[in-house]
Amino acid sequence: MREITFSVPNSVSEEKLKQIIHYLEEIKFGSITLVIHDGKVVMVEKLEKTKI
């Protein structure tokens, strides 16, 4: 696994960041979208696709 280092704006709480990381770790196919209003993350959308 490759380590990624970045700075987190003050508008992203530790709880939100943990949730985003959790989504990134569990998703296999799909996308994760951050919705931002006035410079603050207000929603995280996860769209997961399943291949059959």
N, C-alpha and C. Protein backbone atom coordinates (compact mmCIF):
# COMPACT_ATOMS: atom_id res chain seq x y z
N MET A 1 0.84 -1.18 0.00
CA MET A 1 0.00 0.00 0.00
C MET A 1 0.88 1.24 0.00
N ARG A 2 0.55 2.21 -0.80
CA ARG A 2 1.29 3.45 -0.91
C ARG A 2 0.78 4.47 0.11
N GLU A 3 1.69 5.10 0.81
CA GLU A 3 1.30 6.10 1.81
C GLU A 3 1.10 7.44 1.12
N ILE A 4 0.00 8.10 1.44
CA ILE A 4 -0.31 9.40 0.87
C ILE A 4 -0.27 10.43 1.99
N THR A 5 0.46 11.51 1.76
CA THR A 5 0.56 12.58 2.74
C THR A 5 -0.06 13.84 2.15
N PHE A 6 -0.91 14.49 2.94
CA PHE A 6 -1.54 15.74 2.49
C PHE A 6 -1.95 16.54 3.71
N SER A 7 -2.17 17.82 3.50
CA SER A 7 -2.65 18.65 4.60
C SER A 7 -4.17 18.75 4.52
N VAL A 8 -4.81 18.77 5.66
CA VAL A 8 -6.26 18.80 5.72
C VAL A 8 -6.71 20.18 6.16
N PRO A 9 -7.60 20.81 5.38
CA PRO A 9 -8.11 22.12 5.80
C PRO A 9 -8.85 22.02 7.13
N ASN A 10 -8.89 23.10 7.87
CA ASN A 10 -9.58 23.12 9.17
C ASN A 10 -11.06 22.81 9.05
N SER A 11 -11.63 22.96 7.85
CA SER A 11 -13.06 22.72 7.67
C SER A 11 -13.41 21.23 7.65
N VAL A 12 -12.40 20.35 7.59
CA VAL A 12 -12.65 18.91 7.58
C VAL A 12 -12.34 18.35 8.97
N SER A 13 -13.38 17.93 9.66
CA SER A 13 -13.18 17.40 11.02
C SER A 13 -12.52 16.03 10.94
N GLU A 14 -11.97 15.61 12.05
CA GLU A 14 -11.33 14.29 12.10
C GLU A 14 -12.34 13.19 11.82
N GLU A 15 -13.56 13.37 12.29
CA GLU A 15 -14.63 12.38 12.06
C GLU A 15 -14.94 12.25 10.57
N LYS A 16 -15.06 13.39 9.87
CA LYS A 16 -15.33 13.37 8.43
C LYS A 16 -14.17 12.72 7.69
N LEU A 17 -12.96 13.05 8.08
CA LEU A 17 -11.78 12.49 7.42
C LEU A 17 -11.72 10.98 7.61
N LYS A 18 -12.03 10.49 8.80
CA LYS A 18 -12.05 9.05 9.05
C LYS A 18 -13.10 8.35 8.19
N GLN A 19 -14.26 8.99 8.03
CA GLN A 19 -15.33 8.40 7.21
C GLN A 19 -14.90 8.33 5.74
N ILE A 20 -14.26 9.39 5.25
CA ILE A 20 -13.77 9.40 3.87
C ILE A 20 -12.74 8.30 3.66
N ILE A 21 -11.81 8.16 4.58
CA ILE A 21 -10.78 7.11 4.48
C ILE A 21 -11.44 5.73 4.52
N HIS A 22 -12.44 5.56 5.38
CA HIS A 22 -13.15 4.28 5.45
C HIS A 22 -13.78 3.94 4.10
N TYR A 23 -14.44 4.91 3.48
CA TYR A 23 -15.04 4.68 2.16
C TYR A 23 -13.98 4.31 1.13
N LEU A 24 -12.85 5.00 1.16
CA LEU A 24 -11.77 4.71 0.21
C LEU A 24 -11.22 3.30 0.38
N GLU A 25 -11.15 2.84 1.61
CA GLU A 25 -10.61 1.52 1.88
C GLU A 25 -11.57 0.40 1.48
N GLU A 26 -12.88 0.65 1.57
CA GLU A 26 -13.83 -0.43 1.32
C GLU A 26 -14.37 -0.49 -0.10
N ILE A 27 -14.30 0.60 -0.86
CA ILE A 27 -14.90 0.62 -2.19
C ILE A 27 -14.02 -0.12 -3.19
N LYS A 28 -14.65 -0.91 -4.07
CA LYS A 28 -13.91 -1.64 -5.09
C LYS A 28 -14.15 -1.04 -6.47
N PHE A 29 -15.39 -0.71 -6.79
CA PHE A 29 -15.75 -0.07 -8.05
C PHE A 29 -16.76 1.03 -7.74
N GLY A 30 -16.52 2.22 -8.23
CA GLY A 30 -17.47 3.30 -8.01
C GLY A 30 -16.77 4.63 -7.83
N SER A 31 -17.41 5.52 -7.09
CA SER A 31 -16.84 6.85 -6.90
C SER A 31 -17.23 7.41 -5.54
N ILE A 32 -16.42 8.36 -5.07
CA ILE A 32 -16.69 9.08 -3.84
C ILE A 32 -16.65 10.56 -4.18
N THR A 33 -17.71 11.27 -3.82
CA THR A 33 -17.81 12.69 -4.13
C THR A 33 -17.90 13.49 -2.85
N LEU A 34 -17.09 14.53 -2.74
CA LEU A 34 -17.19 15.46 -1.61
C LEU A 34 -18.02 16.65 -2.05
N VAL A 35 -19.05 16.98 -1.29
CA VAL A 35 -19.89 18.14 -1.58
C VAL A 35 -19.45 19.24 -0.63
N ILE A 36 -19.09 20.39 -1.20
CA ILE A 36 -18.52 21.49 -0.42
C ILE A 36 -19.39 22.74 -0.58
N HIS A 37 -19.72 23.37 0.53
CA HIS A 37 -20.45 24.65 0.54
C HIS A 37 -19.68 25.62 1.40
N ASP A 38 -19.44 26.80 0.88
CA ASP A 38 -18.70 27.85 1.59
C ASP A 38 -17.37 27.35 2.13
N GLY A 39 -16.69 26.51 1.35
CA GLY A 39 -15.37 26.02 1.73
C GLY A 39 -15.37 24.93 2.79
N LYS A 40 -16.55 24.37 3.11
CA LYS A 40 -16.64 23.31 4.12
C LYS A 40 -17.25 22.07 3.51
N VAL A 41 -16.72 20.90 3.88
CA VAL A 41 -17.28 19.64 3.43
C VAL A 41 -18.61 19.44 4.16
N VAL A 42 -19.70 19.35 3.41
CA VAL A 42 -21.02 19.19 4.03
C VAL A 42 -21.63 17.82 3.75
N MET A 43 -21.08 17.10 2.76
CA MET A 43 -21.63 15.80 2.44
C MET A 43 -20.58 14.96 1.72
N VAL A 44 -20.61 13.68 2.00
CA VAL A 44 -19.77 12.72 1.29
C VAL A 44 -20.71 11.72 0.64
N GLU A 45 -20.64 11.62 -0.70
CA GLU A 45 -21.50 10.69 -1.42
C GLU A 45 -20.65 9.54 -1.91
N LYS A 46 -21.14 8.31 -1.69
CA LYS A 46 -20.42 7.14 -2.16
C LYS A 46 -21.34 6.39 -3.11
N LEU A 47 -20.86 6.17 -4.33
CA LEU A 47 -21.60 5.40 -5.32
C LEU A 47 -20.77 4.16 -5.62
N GLU A 48 -21.30 3.01 -5.24
CA GLU A 48 -20.57 1.76 -5.45
C GLU A 48 -21.27 0.94 -6.49
N LYS A 49 -20.52 0.45 -7.45
CA LYS A 49 -21.07 -0.37 -8.52
C LYS A 49 -20.70 -1.81 -8.25
N THR A 50 -21.62 -2.70 -8.61
CA THR A 50 -21.40 -4.12 -8.44
C THR A 50 -21.44 -4.79 -9.81
N LYS A 51 -20.39 -5.50 -10.13
CA LYS A 51 -20.35 -6.23 -11.40
C LYS A 51 -20.98 -7.60 -11.20
N ILE A 52 -21.89 -7.95 -12.14
CA ILE A 52 -22.52 -9.27 -12.06
C ILE A 52 -22.26 -10.05 -13.33
